Amino acid sequence: MKIKLSRHARRRAKLYKIPESIILGILDNMALAEGKHAIVREIEGFEYPLKIVAMVEDNVITVITNYPLKKRHENSI
């Protein structure tokens, strides 16, 4: 599947110093169905878990946004 980041997602990644390689690495190892997905992952080196919101359409994963999740989270998707 092809993965692309929206302009907003690129700006959030730069703002929060999240390397694109981490975002791509997380999504590359996932089998996502069509539709919108919210993914929360604990990543070594980050104080808070990272949240990635992505949309899957026609075998293309578009990252809508990504940021450190500073609120307490119950479950990772």
C-alpha atoms as a PDB file:
ATOM      1  CA  MET A   1       0.000   0.000   0.000  1.00  0.00           C
ATOM      2  CA  LYS A   2       1.171   3.519  -0.771  1.00  0.00           C
ATOM      3  CA  ILE A   3       1.478   5.887   2.212  1.00  0.00           C
ATOM      4  CA  LYS A   4       1.320   9.668   1.921  1.00  0.00           C
ATOM      5  CA  LEU A   5       1.198  12.443   4.486  1.00  0.00           C
ATOM      6  CA  SER A   6      -1.145  15.401   4.190  1.00  0.00           C
ATOM      7  CA  ARG A   7       0.273  18.897   4.461  1.00  0.00           C
ATOM      8  CA  HIS A   8      -1.215  19.152   7.955  1.00  0.00           C
ATOM      9  CA  ALA A   9       0.405  15.854   9.013  1.00  0.00           C
ATOM     10  CA  ARG A  10       3.823  17.008   7.751  1.00  0.00           C
ATOM     11  CA  ARG A  11       3.501  20.244   9.727  1.00  0.00           C
ATOM     12  CA  ARG A  12       2.437  18.433  12.920  1.00  0.00           C
ATOM     13  CA  ALA A  13       5.359  16.014  12.544  1.00  0.00           C
ATOM     14  CA  LYS A  14       7.774  18.923  12.217  1.00  0.00           C
ATOM     15  CA  LEU A  15       6.187  20.825  15.121  1.00  0.00           C
ATOM     16  CA  TYR A  16       6.394  17.855  17.496  1.00  0.00           C
ATOM     17  CA  LYS A  17       9.736  16.596  16.120  1.00  0.00           C
ATOM     18  CA  ILE A  18       8.294  13.265  14.961  1.00  0.00           C
ATOM     19  CA  PRO A  19      10.425  11.772  12.166  1.00  0.00           C
ATOM     20  CA  GLU A  20       8.390  10.751   9.120  1.00  0.00           C
ATOM     21  CA  SER A  21      10.254   7.430   9.186  1.00  0.00           C
ATOM     22  CA  ILE A  22       8.556   6.560  12.511  1.00  0.00           C
ATOM     23  CA  ILE A  23       5.102   7.348  11.115  1.00  0.00           C
ATOM     24  CA  LEU A  24       5.772   5.374   7.943  1.00  0.00           C
ATOM     25  CA  GLY A  25       7.247   2.486   9.944  1.00  0.00           C
ATOM     26  CA  ILE A  26       4.148   2.215  12.133  1.00  0.00           C
ATOM     27  CA  LEU A  27       1.762   2.243   9.174  1.00  0.00           C
ATOM     28  CA  ASP A  28       3.896  -0.003   6.957  1.00  0.00           C
ATOM     29  CA  ASN A  29       3.514  -2.944   9.349  1.00  0.00           C
ATOM     30  CA  MET A  30      -0.278  -2.685   9.596  1.00  0.00           C
ATOM     31  CA  ALA A  31      -3.015  -4.272   7.518  1.00  0.00           C
ATOM     32  CA  LEU A  32      -5.637  -1.517   7.475  1.00  0.00           C
ATOM     33  CA  ALA A  33      -9.106  -1.882   5.955  1.00  0.00           C
ATOM     34  CA  GLU A  34     -10.823   0.875   3.982  1.00  0.00           C
ATOM     35  CA  GLY A  35     -11.969   3.807   6.112  1.00  0.00           C
ATOM     36  CA  LYS A  36     -10.678   6.069   8.858  1.00  0.00           C
ATOM     37  CA  HIS A  37      -8.346   4.776  11.573  1.00  0.00           C
ATOM     38  CA  ALA A  38      -6.959   6.220  14.814  1.00  0.00           C
ATOM     39  CA  ILE A  39      -3.730   4.500  15.879  1.00  0.00           C
ATOM     40  CA  VAL A  40      -2.040   5.058  19.248  1.00  0.00           C
ATOM     41  CA  ARG A  41       1.435   3.625  19.835  1.00  0.00           C
ATOM     42  CA  GLU A  42       4.013   3.929  22.597  1.00  0.00           C
ATOM     43  CA  ILE A  43       7.304   4.770  20.873  1.00  0.00           C
ATOM     44  CA  GLU A  44      10.652   4.582  22.612  1.00  0.00           C
ATOM     45  CA  GLY A  45      12.201   8.023  22.963  1.00  0.00           C
ATOM     46  CA  PHE A  46       8.890   9.879  23.235  1.00  0.00           C
ATOM     47  CA  GLU A  47       7.413  10.965  26.561  1.00  0.00           C
ATOM     48  CA  TYR A  48       3.823  10.458  25.358  1.00  0.00           C
ATOM     49  CA  PRO A  49       2.255   7.882  23.012  1.00  0.00           C
ATOM     50  CA  LEU A  50       1.894   8.980  19.393  1.00  0.00           C
ATOM     51  CA  LYS A  51      -1.534   9.228  17.816  1.00  0.00           C
ATOM     52  CA  ILE A  52      -1.870   8.858  14.069  1.00  0.00           C
ATOM     53  CA  VAL A  53      -5.165   9.455  12.274  1.00  0.00           C
ATOM     54  CA  ALA A  54      -5.236   7.981   8.776  1.00  0.00           C
ATOM     55  CA  MET A  55      -7.727   7.358   5.968  1.00  0.00           C
ATOM     56  CA  VAL A  56      -7.472   4.350   3.642  1.00  0.00           C
ATOM     57  CA  GLU A  57      -8.957   4.655   0.147  1.00  0.00           C
ATOM     58  CA  ASP A  58      -8.084   2.705  -3.012  1.00  0.00           C
ATOM     59  CA  ASN A  59      -4.921   1.112  -1.526  1.00  0.00           C
ATOM     60  CA  VAL A  60      -3.575   4.524  -0.445  1.00  0.00           C
ATOM     61  CA  ILE A  61      -3.064   5.397   3.225  1.00  0.00           C
ATOM     62  CA  THR A  62      -3.307   9.154   3.781  1.00  0.00           C
ATOM     63  CA  VAL A  63      -2.094  10.371   7.164  1.00  0.00           C
ATOM     64  CA  ILE A  64      -4.476  13.136   8.229  1.00  0.00           C
ATOM     65  CA  THR A  65      -2.689  14.142  11.439  1.00  0.00           C
ATOM     66  CA  ASN A  66      -0.206  12.897  14.033  1.00  0.00           C
ATOM     67  CA  TYR A  67       0.743  14.189  17.456  1.00  0.00           C
ATOM     68  CA  PRO A  68       1.820  13.153  20.955  1.00  0.00           C
ATOM     69  CA  LEU A  69      -1.258  12.045  22.888  1.00  0.00           C
ATOM     70  CA  LYS A  70      -0.966  13.948  26.148  1.00  0.00           C
ATOM     71  CA  LYS A  71      -4.292  12.695  27.487  1.00  0.00           C
ATOM     72  CA  ARG A  72      -4.580   9.323  29.146  1.00  0.00           C
ATOM     73  CA  HIS A  73      -5.608   6.678  26.632  1.00  0.00           C
ATOM     74  CA  GLU A  74      -7.531   3.505  27.347  1.00  0.00           C
ATOM     75  CA  ASN A  75      -6.767   1.233  24.388  1.00  0.00           C
ATOM     76  CA  SER A  76      -4.521   1.317  21.381  1.00  0.00           C
ATOM     77  CA  ILE A  77      -6.189   0.508  18.120  1.00  0.00           C
END
